[in-house]
């Protein structure tokens, strides 16, 4: 039986080694550090043809300041990749301004954030994929694939370093891939990002 990491795509084949059920529960993906609980049998991977029909989504709503800030941050990164520094700087200024007007999160605890992440993974992403597939919007589907990976990364990190669990030590290195958002915790960066495969020169170290 083969099991697939939803973050980096690593495949564990238990017919070539230790049986999956015999691996310890704290076993981690050797490439990206995802928890064993995040892995899914290869046969359970979603197929595009099986995308459900979307339900009526109702009226569109205005984006919040936090959501607009995230959009502008993404646009800034897109401009960076297209070598447009002036436009990138402008989008960054807008993102910072919007971020300063973002309402305080009602429940910023680990459990509160995890609850929102689980809601995204179980409800919001499937609904967005269904709408995008029905409209034939390949760009939206690709964006959803990457943003869902980032959400899975966040869940993995919060689960590993949440309240009452293993904590980051002050001297531990924390690096973020500037291309896909993968967060690496440790002192020796992999040669390439486990998720998007860019060289480790694209990682930025997070201070503090």
N, C-alpha and C. Protein backbone atom coordinates (compact mmCIF):
# COMPACT_ATOMS: atom_id res chain seq x y z
N UNK A 1 0.85 -1.19 0.00
CA UNK A 1 0.00 0.00 0.00
C UNK A 1 0.89 1.25 0.00
N UNK A 2 0.48 2.27 -0.75
CA UNK A 2 1.23 3.51 -0.82
C UNK A 2 0.44 4.64 -0.15
N UNK A 3 1.17 5.48 0.55
CA UNK A 3 0.57 6.63 1.23
C UNK A 3 1.26 7.90 0.76
N UNK A 4 0.48 8.95 0.49
CA UNK A 4 0.99 10.17 -0.14
C UNK A 4 0.91 11.35 0.82
N UNK A 5 2.01 12.12 0.88
CA UNK A 5 2.02 13.36 1.67
C UNK A 5 1.28 14.43 0.88
N UNK A 6 0.26 15.08 1.48
CA UNK A 6 -0.52 16.08 0.74
C UNK A 6 0.22 17.40 0.55
N UNK A 7 1.36 17.57 1.24
CA UNK A 7 2.10 18.82 1.14
C UNK A 7 3.17 18.76 0.06
N UNK A 8 4.04 17.76 0.11
CA UNK A 8 5.15 17.72 -0.85
C UNK A 8 5.03 16.59 -1.87
N UNK A 9 4.05 15.68 -1.69
CA UNK A 9 3.86 14.60 -2.65
C UNK A 9 4.72 13.37 -2.41
N UNK A 10 5.48 13.35 -1.30
CA UNK A 10 6.30 12.17 -0.98
C UNK A 10 5.41 10.93 -0.86
N UNK A 11 5.86 9.83 -1.43
CA UNK A 11 5.09 8.59 -1.40
C UNK A 11 5.80 7.56 -0.52
N UNK A 12 5.10 7.07 0.49
CA UNK A 12 5.64 6.00 1.34
C UNK A 12 5.03 4.69 0.89
N UNK A 13 5.88 3.77 0.46
CA UNK A 13 5.44 2.45 -0.01
C UNK A 13 5.79 1.43 1.05
N UNK A 14 4.78 0.98 1.80
CA UNK A 14 5.09 0.07 2.91
C UNK A 14 5.40 -1.35 2.43
N UNK A 15 5.20 -1.61 1.14
CA UNK A 15 5.59 -2.93 0.63
C UNK A 15 7.10 -3.03 0.45
N UNK A 16 7.77 -1.86 0.48
CA UNK A 16 9.22 -1.84 0.30
C UNK A 16 9.96 -1.63 1.61
N UNK A 17 9.23 -1.61 2.71
CA UNK A 17 9.87 -1.39 4.01
C UNK A 17 8.91 -1.74 5.14
N UNK A 18 8.98 -0.93 6.20
CA UNK A 18 8.13 -1.18 7.37
C UNK A 18 6.67 -0.90 7.03
N UNK A 19 5.79 -1.75 7.54
CA UNK A 19 4.36 -1.58 7.29
C UNK A 19 3.89 -0.25 7.86
N UNK A 20 2.96 0.40 7.17
CA UNK A 20 2.46 1.72 7.58
C UNK A 20 1.93 1.70 9.01
N UNK A 21 1.15 0.69 9.34
CA UNK A 21 0.55 0.62 10.68
C UNK A 21 1.58 0.41 11.79
N UNK A 22 2.78 -0.04 11.40
CA UNK A 22 3.83 -0.26 12.39
C UNK A 22 4.69 0.97 12.63
N UNK A 23 4.54 2.01 11.78
CA UNK A 23 5.29 3.25 11.99
C UNK A 23 4.77 3.95 13.25
N UNK A 24 5.64 4.55 14.05
CA UNK A 24 5.17 5.26 15.25
C UNK A 24 4.27 6.44 14.86
N UNK A 25 3.35 6.81 15.75
CA UNK A 25 2.40 7.88 15.45
C UNK A 25 3.09 9.23 15.29
N UNK A 26 4.29 9.39 15.88
CA UNK A 26 5.00 10.67 15.74
C UNK A 26 5.95 10.67 14.53
N UNK A 27 5.82 9.66 13.65
CA UNK A 27 6.63 9.62 12.44
C UNK A 27 6.29 10.83 11.57
N UNK A 28 7.30 11.40 10.91
CA UNK A 28 7.11 12.58 10.08
C UNK A 28 7.56 12.31 8.65
N UNK A 29 7.00 13.06 7.72
CA UNK A 29 7.45 12.99 6.32
C UNK A 29 8.93 13.35 6.28
N UNK A 30 9.77 12.52 5.66
CA UNK A 30 11.21 12.80 5.64
C UNK A 30 11.59 14.01 4.81
N UNK A 31 10.69 14.49 3.95
CA UNK A 31 11.01 15.65 3.11
C UNK A 31 10.52 16.97 3.72
N UNK A 32 9.26 17.01 4.16
CA UNK A 32 8.70 18.29 4.61
C UNK A 32 8.29 18.31 6.08
N UNK A 33 8.34 17.17 6.76
CA UNK A 33 8.01 17.15 8.18
C UNK A 33 6.53 17.02 8.49
N UNK A 34 5.69 16.77 7.49
CA UNK A 34 4.25 16.61 7.73
C UNK A 34 4.00 15.40 8.64
N UNK A 35 2.94 15.48 9.42
CA UNK A 35 2.62 14.42 10.37
C UNK A 35 2.11 13.17 9.63
N UNK A 36 2.29 12.03 10.26
CA UNK A 36 1.79 10.78 9.70
C UNK A 36 0.29 10.86 9.47
N UNK A 37 -0.42 11.53 10.38
CA UNK A 37 -1.88 11.63 10.28
C UNK A 37 -2.34 12.39 9.04
N UNK A 38 -1.45 13.21 8.45
CA UNK A 38 -1.81 13.97 7.25
C UNK A 38 -1.75 13.14 5.98
N UNK A 39 -1.03 12.02 6.01
CA UNK A 39 -0.89 11.18 4.82
C UNK A 39 -2.23 10.52 4.47
N UNK A 40 -2.42 10.28 3.18
CA UNK A 40 -3.62 9.61 2.69
C UNK A 40 -3.23 8.47 1.77
N UNK A 41 -4.00 7.37 1.77
CA UNK A 41 -3.72 6.29 0.82
C UNK A 41 -3.75 6.82 -0.61
N UNK A 42 -2.87 6.29 -1.44
CA UNK A 42 -2.79 6.76 -2.82
C UNK A 42 -4.13 6.64 -3.53
N UNK A 43 -4.90 5.63 -3.21
CA UNK A 43 -6.19 5.41 -3.86
C UNK A 43 -7.21 6.48 -3.48
N UNK A 44 -6.94 7.23 -2.38
CA UNK A 44 -7.88 8.25 -1.93
C UNK A 44 -7.62 9.62 -2.53
N UNK A 45 -6.60 9.75 -3.39
CA UNK A 45 -6.29 11.05 -3.97
C UNK A 45 -7.43 11.51 -4.86
N UNK A 46 -7.87 12.77 -4.73
CA UNK A 46 -9.03 13.24 -5.50
C UNK A 46 -8.75 13.30 -6.99
N UNK A 47 -9.74 12.98 -7.77
CA UNK A 47 -9.64 13.04 -9.23
C UNK A 47 -10.48 14.21 -9.74
N UNK A 48 -9.96 14.90 -10.75
CA UNK A 48 -10.65 16.08 -11.27
C UNK A 48 -12.05 15.74 -11.77
N UNK A 49 -12.20 14.54 -12.34
CA UNK A 49 -13.50 14.17 -12.90
C UNK A 49 -14.56 13.97 -11.82
N UNK A 50 -14.14 13.80 -10.57
CA UNK A 50 -15.08 13.54 -9.50
C UNK A 50 -15.50 14.80 -8.76
N UNK A 51 -15.13 15.97 -9.28
CA UNK A 51 -15.48 17.22 -8.61
C UNK A 51 -16.99 17.37 -8.55
N UNK A 52 -17.56 17.61 -7.36
CA UNK A 52 -19.02 17.71 -7.23
C UNK A 52 -19.55 19.00 -7.85
N UNK A 53 -20.83 18.96 -8.18
CA UNK A 53 -21.47 20.17 -8.68
C UNK A 53 -21.56 21.20 -7.55
N UNK A 54 -21.31 22.49 -7.85
CA UNK A 54 -21.36 23.50 -6.80
C UNK A 54 -22.78 23.80 -6.36
N UNK A 55 -22.91 24.14 -5.09
CA UNK A 55 -24.20 24.59 -4.59
C UNK A 55 -24.31 26.09 -4.84
N UNK A 56 -25.53 26.61 -4.69
CA UNK A 56 -25.73 28.04 -4.85
C UNK A 56 -24.92 28.78 -3.80
N UNK A 57 -24.01 29.65 -4.24
CA UNK A 57 -23.12 30.34 -3.32
C UNK A 57 -23.69 31.64 -2.79
N UNK A 58 -24.88 32.04 -3.28
CA UNK A 58 -25.49 33.27 -2.77
C UNK A 58 -24.81 34.51 -3.30
N UNK A 59 -25.04 35.63 -2.63
CA UNK A 59 -24.49 36.90 -3.07
C UNK A 59 -23.00 37.00 -2.73
N UNK A 60 -22.26 37.70 -3.60
CA UNK A 60 -20.86 37.97 -3.29
C UNK A 60 -20.78 39.01 -2.18
N UNK A 61 -19.72 38.97 -1.40
CA UNK A 61 -19.54 39.93 -0.31
C UNK A 61 -18.23 40.67 -0.50
N UNK A 62 -18.13 41.88 0.04
CA UNK A 62 -16.86 42.61 -0.04
C UNK A 62 -15.78 41.88 0.76
N UNK A 63 -14.54 41.96 0.30
CA UNK A 63 -13.43 41.37 1.03
C UNK A 63 -13.11 42.23 2.25
N UNK A 64 -12.66 41.58 3.31
CA UNK A 64 -12.24 42.31 4.52
C UNK A 64 -10.88 42.94 4.27
N UNK A 65 -10.48 43.82 5.19
CA UNK A 65 -9.17 44.46 5.06
C UNK A 65 -8.06 43.41 5.09
N UNK A 66 -8.20 42.39 5.94
CA UNK A 66 -7.18 41.33 6.02
C UNK A 66 -7.09 40.56 4.71
N UNK A 67 -8.24 40.25 4.11
CA UNK A 67 -8.24 39.51 2.85
C UNK A 67 -7.65 40.34 1.72
N UNK A 68 -8.00 41.63 1.66
CA UNK A 68 -7.44 42.52 0.64
C UNK A 68 -5.93 42.68 0.83
N UNK A 69 -5.49 42.72 2.10
CA UNK A 69 -4.06 42.82 2.38
C UNK A 69 -3.33 41.59 1.84
N UNK A 70 -3.92 40.41 2.04
CA UNK A 70 -3.31 39.17 1.53
C UNK A 70 -3.25 39.18 0.01
N UNK A 71 -4.32 39.68 -0.64
CA UNK A 71 -4.34 39.76 -2.11
C UNK A 71 -3.23 40.68 -2.61
N UNK A 72 -3.10 41.84 -1.97
CA UNK A 72 -2.07 42.80 -2.39
C UNK A 72 -0.66 42.27 -2.14
N UNK A 73 -0.48 41.51 -1.05
CA UNK A 73 0.82 40.89 -0.79
C UNK A 73 1.17 39.90 -1.89
N UNK A 74 0.17 39.13 -2.32
CA UNK A 74 0.40 38.17 -3.40
C UNK A 74 0.72 38.89 -4.71
N UNK A 75 0.01 39.99 -4.98
CA UNK A 75 0.28 40.75 -6.19
C UNK A 75 1.69 41.34 -6.16
N UNK A 76 2.13 41.76 -4.97
CA UNK A 76 3.49 42.29 -4.84
C UNK A 76 4.52 41.22 -5.18
N UNK A 77 4.30 40.00 -4.69
CA UNK A 77 5.23 38.91 -5.01
C UNK A 77 5.21 38.60 -6.50
N UNK A 78 4.01 38.67 -7.11
CA UNK A 78 3.90 38.43 -8.54
C UNK A 78 4.68 39.47 -9.34
N UNK A 79 4.61 40.73 -8.90
CA UNK A 79 5.36 41.80 -9.57
C UNK A 79 6.86 41.60 -9.40
N UNK A 80 7.28 41.14 -8.21
CA UNK A 80 8.70 40.84 -7.99
C UNK A 80 9.20 39.81 -9.00
N UNK A 81 8.39 38.78 -9.22
CA UNK A 81 8.81 37.71 -10.14
C UNK A 81 8.85 38.20 -11.58
N UNK A 82 8.11 39.26 -11.88
CA UNK A 82 8.11 39.81 -13.24
C UNK A 82 9.05 41.02 -13.36
N UNK A 83 9.89 41.20 -12.35
CA UNK A 83 10.89 42.28 -12.35
C UNK A 83 10.24 43.66 -12.51
N UNK A 84 9.19 43.88 -11.70
CA UNK A 84 8.51 45.17 -11.69
C UNK A 84 8.57 45.74 -10.26
N UNK A 85 9.74 46.25 -9.85
CA UNK A 85 9.93 46.67 -8.45
C UNK A 85 9.03 47.82 -8.02
N UNK A 86 8.73 48.77 -8.90
CA UNK A 86 7.89 49.90 -8.51
C UNK A 86 6.47 49.44 -8.20
N UNK A 87 5.92 48.58 -9.06
CA UNK A 87 4.58 48.07 -8.82
C UNK A 87 4.54 47.20 -7.56
N UNK A 88 5.59 46.40 -7.38
CA UNK A 88 5.66 45.54 -6.20
C UNK A 88 5.67 46.39 -4.93
N UNK A 89 6.46 47.47 -4.94
CA UNK A 89 6.54 48.35 -3.77
C UNK A 89 5.19 49.01 -3.50
N UNK A 90 4.48 49.39 -4.56
CA UNK A 90 3.17 50.02 -4.39
C UNK A 90 2.17 49.05 -3.76
N UNK A 91 2.15 47.81 -4.26
CA UNK A 91 1.23 46.81 -3.68
C UNK A 91 1.60 46.52 -2.23
N UNK A 92 2.91 46.53 -1.90
CA UNK A 92 3.32 46.29 -0.52
C UNK A 92 2.83 47.40 0.40
N UNK A 93 2.91 48.64 -0.07
CA UNK A 93 2.43 49.77 0.74
C UNK A 93 0.93 49.66 0.99
N UNK A 94 0.19 49.27 -0.06
CA UNK A 94 -1.26 49.09 0.11
C UNK A 94 -1.54 47.95 1.09
N UNK A 95 -0.79 46.85 0.95
CA UNK A 95 -0.99 45.70 1.85
C UNK A 95 -0.72 46.10 3.29
N UNK A 96 0.35 46.85 3.52
CA UNK A 96 0.68 47.29 4.89
C UNK A 96 -0.40 48.20 5.45
N UNK A 97 -0.91 49.11 4.60
CA UNK A 97 -1.97 50.02 5.05
C UNK A 97 -3.23 49.26 5.43
N UNK A 98 -3.60 48.30 4.59
CA UNK A 98 -4.79 47.49 4.88
C UNK A 98 -4.57 46.64 6.14
N UNK A 99 -3.36 46.11 6.28
CA UNK A 99 -3.06 45.29 7.44
C UNK A 99 -3.19 46.08 8.74
N UNK A 100 -2.83 47.37 8.68
CA UNK A 100 -2.93 48.22 9.88
C UNK A 100 -4.38 48.47 10.27
N UNK A 101 -5.31 48.21 9.36
CA UNK A 101 -6.73 48.42 9.63
C UNK A 101 -7.49 47.11 9.77
N UNK A 102 -6.74 46.04 9.92
CA UNK A 102 -7.36 44.73 10.10
C UNK A 102 -7.87 44.56 11.52
N UNK A 103 -9.09 44.07 11.63
CA UNK A 103 -9.67 43.85 12.96
C UNK A 103 -8.91 42.76 13.69
N UNK A 104 -8.88 42.88 15.00
CA UNK A 104 -8.18 41.88 15.81
C UNK A 104 -8.88 40.54 15.72
N UNK A 105 -8.11 39.47 15.62
CA UNK A 105 -8.68 38.12 15.53
C UNK A 105 -9.40 37.79 16.84
N UNK A 106 -10.68 37.35 16.76
CA UNK A 106 -11.45 37.08 17.99
C UNK A 106 -10.81 36.03 18.89
N UNK A 107 -10.28 34.96 18.29
CA UNK A 107 -9.68 33.88 19.07
C UNK A 107 -8.33 33.52 18.47
N UNK A 108 -7.26 34.22 18.90
CA UNK A 108 -5.93 33.98 18.31
C UNK A 108 -5.20 32.79 18.91
N UNK A 109 -5.88 31.98 19.71
CA UNK A 109 -5.23 30.82 20.32
C UNK A 109 -4.93 29.76 19.27
N UNK A 110 -4.05 28.82 19.61
CA UNK A 110 -3.74 27.73 18.70
C UNK A 110 -5.00 26.96 18.32
N UNK A 111 -5.84 26.67 19.32
CA UNK A 111 -7.04 25.88 19.04
C UNK A 111 -8.00 26.66 18.14
N UNK A 112 -8.10 27.99 18.35
CA UNK A 112 -8.98 28.80 17.51
C UNK A 112 -8.52 28.86 16.07
N UNK A 113 -7.20 29.01 15.88
CA UNK A 113 -6.66 29.05 14.52
C UNK A 113 -6.82 27.69 13.85
N UNK A 114 -6.55 26.62 14.60
CA UNK A 114 -6.71 25.28 14.03
C UNK A 114 -8.14 25.02 13.61
N UNK A 115 -9.09 25.53 14.39
CA UNK A 115 -10.50 25.35 14.04
C UNK A 115 -10.82 26.01 12.70
N UNK A 116 -10.28 27.22 12.47
CA UNK A 116 -10.50 27.92 11.21
C UNK A 116 -9.83 27.18 10.05
N UNK A 117 -8.63 26.64 10.31
CA UNK A 117 -7.91 25.89 9.27
C UNK A 117 -8.69 24.63 8.89
N UNK A 118 -9.21 23.92 9.88
CA UNK A 118 -9.99 22.71 9.60
C UNK A 118 -11.25 23.06 8.80
N UNK A 119 -11.86 24.20 9.11
CA UNK A 119 -13.04 24.64 8.36
C UNK A 119 -12.69 24.90 6.90
N UNK A 120 -11.53 25.54 6.68
CA UNK A 120 -11.09 25.78 5.30
C UNK A 120 -10.89 24.47 4.55
N UNK A 121 -10.17 23.52 5.19
CA UNK A 121 -9.82 22.27 4.52
C UNK A 121 -11.04 21.38 4.27
N UNK A 122 -11.99 21.37 5.20
CA UNK A 122 -13.12 20.46 5.07
C UNK A 122 -14.29 21.06 4.30
N UNK A 123 -14.43 22.41 4.30
CA UNK A 123 -15.59 23.02 3.67
C UNK A 123 -15.25 24.02 2.57
N UNK A 124 -14.40 24.99 2.89
CA UNK A 124 -14.21 26.11 1.97
C UNK A 124 -13.43 25.73 0.71
N UNK A 125 -12.35 24.96 0.85
CA UNK A 125 -11.60 24.56 -0.34
C UNK A 125 -12.43 23.66 -1.26
N UNK A 126 -13.11 22.63 -0.73
CA UNK A 126 -13.95 21.81 -1.62
C UNK A 126 -15.00 22.64 -2.35
N UNK A 127 -15.63 23.61 -1.65
CA UNK A 127 -16.65 24.44 -2.29
C UNK A 127 -16.04 25.31 -3.39
N UNK A 128 -14.87 25.91 -3.10
CA UNK A 128 -14.22 26.76 -4.10
C UNK A 128 -13.77 25.95 -5.31
N UNK A 129 -13.26 24.72 -5.08
CA UNK A 129 -12.85 23.87 -6.19
C UNK A 129 -14.04 23.50 -7.07
N UNK A 130 -15.19 23.22 -6.43
CA UNK A 130 -16.37 22.84 -7.18
C UNK A 130 -16.83 23.98 -8.09
N UNK A 131 -16.83 25.20 -7.58
CA UNK A 131 -17.24 26.36 -8.38
C UNK A 131 -16.25 26.59 -9.51
N UNK A 132 -14.95 26.53 -9.21
CA UNK A 132 -13.92 26.77 -10.23
C UNK A 132 -13.97 25.72 -11.32
N UNK A 133 -14.18 24.45 -10.93
CA UNK A 133 -14.26 23.38 -11.92
C UNK A 133 -15.48 23.54 -12.81
N UNK A 134 -16.60 23.94 -12.21
CA UNK A 134 -17.83 24.13 -12.99
C UNK A 134 -17.66 25.25 -14.00
N UNK A 135 -16.88 26.26 -13.65
CA UNK A 135 -16.64 27.39 -14.55
C UNK A 135 -15.48 27.14 -15.52
N UNK A 136 -14.77 26.03 -15.32
CA UNK A 136 -13.63 25.74 -16.16
C UNK A 136 -12.47 26.70 -15.95
N UNK A 137 -12.35 27.22 -14.73
CA UNK A 137 -11.31 28.22 -14.42
C UNK A 137 -10.05 27.50 -13.94
N UNK A 138 -9.14 27.20 -14.87
CA UNK A 138 -7.93 26.46 -14.54
C UNK A 138 -7.01 27.28 -13.64
N UNK A 139 -6.97 28.60 -13.86
CA UNK A 139 -6.13 29.46 -13.02
C UNK A 139 -6.55 29.42 -11.57
N UNK A 140 -7.86 29.48 -11.34
CA UNK A 140 -8.37 29.41 -9.97
C UNK A 140 -8.07 28.06 -9.34
N UNK A 141 -8.22 26.99 -10.12
CA UNK A 141 -7.93 25.65 -9.59
C UNK A 141 -6.47 25.51 -9.20
N UNK A 142 -5.58 26.08 -10.02
CA UNK A 142 -4.16 26.01 -9.70
C UNK A 142 -3.85 26.81 -8.43
N UNK A 143 -4.45 28.00 -8.32
CA UNK A 143 -4.25 28.82 -7.12
C UNK A 143 -4.76 28.10 -5.88
N UNK A 144 -5.90 27.44 -6.01
CA UNK A 144 -6.47 26.71 -4.87
C UNK A 144 -5.56 25.56 -4.45
N UNK A 145 -4.95 24.89 -5.42
CA UNK A 145 -4.05 23.78 -5.11
C UNK A 145 -2.89 24.25 -4.24
N UNK A 146 -2.28 25.39 -4.65
CA UNK A 146 -1.13 25.89 -3.89
C UNK A 146 -1.55 26.47 -2.54
N UNK A 147 -2.65 27.20 -2.51
CA UNK A 147 -3.04 27.79 -1.23
C UNK A 147 -3.48 26.70 -0.24
N UNK A 148 -4.06 25.62 -0.75
CA UNK A 148 -4.43 24.52 0.14
C UNK A 148 -3.18 23.85 0.71
N UNK A 149 -2.13 23.74 -0.11
CA UNK A 149 -0.87 23.19 0.39
C UNK A 149 -0.33 24.05 1.53
N UNK A 150 -0.39 25.37 1.35
CA UNK A 150 0.09 26.27 2.40
C UNK A 150 -0.75 26.10 3.67
N UNK A 151 -2.06 25.95 3.51
CA UNK A 151 -2.94 25.74 4.67
C UNK A 151 -2.58 24.44 5.37
N UNK A 152 -2.28 23.40 4.61
CA UNK A 152 -1.85 22.13 5.20
C UNK A 152 -0.52 22.30 5.94
N UNK A 153 0.37 23.13 5.39
CA UNK A 153 1.64 23.40 6.08
C UNK A 153 1.38 24.08 7.43
N UNK A 154 0.48 25.06 7.43
CA UNK A 154 0.15 25.76 8.67
C UNK A 154 -0.41 24.80 9.71
N UNK A 155 -1.32 23.92 9.26
CA UNK A 155 -1.89 22.95 10.20
C UNK A 155 -0.81 22.04 10.77
N UNK A 156 0.12 21.62 9.90
CA UNK A 156 1.20 20.75 10.35
C UNK A 156 2.06 21.45 11.39
N UNK A 157 2.41 22.71 11.13
CA UNK A 157 3.25 23.46 12.07
C UNK A 157 2.54 23.69 13.40
N UNK A 158 1.27 24.09 13.34
CA UNK A 158 0.53 24.35 14.57
C UNK A 158 0.37 23.07 15.39
N UNK A 159 0.17 21.95 14.69
CA UNK A 159 0.01 20.68 15.40
C UNK A 159 1.32 20.28 16.08
N UNK A 160 2.45 20.52 15.37
CA UNK A 160 3.77 20.13 15.92
C UNK A 160 4.21 21.02 17.07
N UNK A 161 3.92 22.30 16.96
CA UNK A 161 4.46 23.25 17.94
C UNK A 161 3.37 24.00 18.70
N UNK A 162 2.20 23.38 18.82
CA UNK A 162 1.09 24.00 19.52
C UNK A 162 1.25 23.93 21.03
N UNK A 163 0.26 24.44 21.71
CA UNK A 163 0.27 24.46 23.18
C UNK A 163 0.37 23.05 23.73
N UNK A 164 1.30 22.88 24.65
CA UNK A 164 1.46 21.59 25.30
C UNK A 164 2.24 20.59 24.49
N UNK A 165 2.78 21.01 23.34
CA UNK A 165 3.54 20.09 22.51
C UNK A 165 4.95 20.62 22.35
N UNK A 166 5.73 19.95 21.53
CA UNK A 166 7.12 20.35 21.32
C UNK A 166 7.19 21.82 20.92
N UNK A 167 8.07 22.56 21.55
CA UNK A 167 8.20 23.99 21.27
C UNK A 167 9.49 24.27 20.52
N UNK A 168 9.47 25.34 19.75
CA UNK A 168 10.68 25.75 19.05
C UNK A 168 11.68 26.31 20.05
N UNK A 169 12.92 25.90 19.92
CA UNK A 169 13.96 26.47 20.76
C UNK A 169 14.43 27.78 20.13
N UNK A 170 14.97 28.65 20.95
CA UNK A 170 15.38 29.97 20.46
C UNK A 170 16.40 29.88 19.33
N UNK A 171 17.30 28.90 19.41
CA UNK A 171 18.38 28.84 18.42
C UNK A 171 17.98 28.06 17.16
N UNK A 172 16.76 27.50 17.13
CA UNK A 172 16.34 26.72 15.97
C UNK A 172 16.08 27.63 14.78
N UNK A 173 16.57 27.25 13.60
CA UNK A 173 16.34 28.04 12.40
C UNK A 173 14.94 27.84 11.85
N UNK A 174 14.33 28.92 11.40
CA UNK A 174 13.01 28.87 10.75
C UNK A 174 13.14 29.59 9.41
N UNK A 175 12.86 28.88 8.33
CA UNK A 175 13.04 29.42 6.98
C UNK A 175 11.72 29.29 6.21
N UNK A 176 11.46 30.28 5.35
CA UNK A 176 10.25 30.25 4.54
C UNK A 176 10.63 30.31 3.06
N UNK A 177 10.05 29.41 2.27
CA UNK A 177 10.26 29.45 0.82
C UNK A 177 9.47 30.64 0.27
N UNK A 178 10.16 31.55 -0.40
CA UNK A 178 9.50 32.74 -0.91
C UNK A 178 8.65 32.47 -2.15
N UNK A 179 8.74 31.26 -2.68
CA UNK A 179 7.96 30.92 -3.87
C UNK A 179 6.61 30.30 -3.49
N UNK A 180 6.62 29.29 -2.61
CA UNK A 180 5.36 28.59 -2.30
C UNK A 180 4.90 28.76 -0.86
N UNK A 181 5.77 29.28 0.03
CA UNK A 181 5.35 29.49 1.41
C UNK A 181 5.68 28.36 2.36
N UNK A 182 6.35 27.31 1.88
CA UNK A 182 6.72 26.20 2.76
C UNK A 182 7.62 26.69 3.89
N UNK A 183 7.35 26.24 5.10
CA UNK A 183 8.14 26.63 6.27
C UNK A 183 9.02 25.45 6.68
N UNK A 184 10.32 25.68 6.72
CA UNK A 184 11.27 24.64 7.14
C UNK A 184 11.81 25.00 8.52
N UNK A 185 11.76 24.04 9.43
CA UNK A 185 12.26 24.23 10.78
C UNK A 185 13.47 23.33 10.97
N UNK A 186 14.62 23.91 11.24
CA UNK A 186 15.85 23.14 11.41
C UNK A 186 17.06 23.98 11.05
N UNK A 187 18.21 23.36 11.10
CA UNK A 187 19.46 24.09 10.90
C UNK A 187 20.12 23.82 9.56
N UNK A 188 19.74 22.74 8.88
CA UNK A 188 20.35 22.39 7.60
C UNK A 188 19.27 22.35 6.53
N UNK A 189 19.22 23.39 5.71
CA UNK A 189 18.21 23.46 4.66
C UNK A 189 18.37 22.33 3.65
N UNK A 190 17.26 21.78 3.14
CA UNK A 190 17.37 20.82 2.04
C UNK A 190 17.89 21.51 0.79
N UNK A 191 18.43 20.76 -0.14
CA UNK A 191 18.97 21.35 -1.37
C UNK A 191 17.90 22.08 -2.17
N UNK A 192 16.69 21.49 -2.19
CA UNK A 192 15.58 22.12 -2.90
C UNK A 192 14.36 22.12 -1.99
N UNK A 193 13.42 23.03 -2.26
CA UNK A 193 12.17 23.05 -1.50
C UNK A 193 11.42 21.75 -1.72
N UNK A 194 10.98 21.06 -0.67
CA UNK A 194 10.27 19.80 -0.85
C UNK A 194 8.95 19.94 -1.61
N UNK A 195 8.38 21.15 -1.59
CA UNK A 195 7.07 21.35 -2.20
C UNK A 195 7.16 21.82 -3.65
N UNK A 196 7.86 22.94 -3.89
CA UNK A 196 7.87 23.51 -5.25
C UNK A 196 9.18 23.28 -5.99
N UNK A 197 10.17 22.66 -5.32
CA UNK A 197 11.41 22.21 -5.95
C UNK A 197 12.37 23.32 -6.39
N UNK A 198 12.19 24.55 -5.90
CA UNK A 198 13.16 25.60 -6.22
C UNK A 198 14.39 25.41 -5.34
N UNK A 199 15.57 25.92 -5.73
CA UNK A 199 16.77 25.78 -4.90
C UNK A 199 16.62 26.50 -3.56
N UNK A 200 17.38 26.04 -2.56
CA UNK A 200 17.22 26.62 -1.21
C UNK A 200 17.66 28.07 -1.12
N UNK A 201 18.25 28.62 -2.18
CA UNK A 201 18.57 30.05 -2.17
C UNK A 201 17.31 30.90 -2.15
N UNK A 202 16.16 30.30 -2.45
CA UNK A 202 14.89 31.03 -2.44
C UNK A 202 14.28 31.10 -1.04
N UNK A 203 14.93 30.46 -0.06
CA UNK A 203 14.42 30.51 1.32
C UNK A 203 14.92 31.76 2.04
N UNK A 204 14.08 32.31 2.90
CA UNK A 204 14.46 33.43 3.74
C UNK A 204 14.38 33.00 5.20
N UNK A 205 15.40 33.37 5.97
CA UNK A 205 15.37 33.01 7.39
C UNK A 205 14.52 34.00 8.16
N UNK A 206 13.70 33.47 9.07
CA UNK A 206 12.84 34.30 9.90
C UNK A 206 13.55 34.57 11.22
N UNK A 207 13.71 35.82 11.60
CA UNK A 207 14.41 36.15 12.83
C UNK A 207 13.48 36.21 14.02
N UNK A 208 14.09 36.45 15.19
CA UNK A 208 13.29 36.63 16.38
C UNK A 208 12.98 35.34 17.10
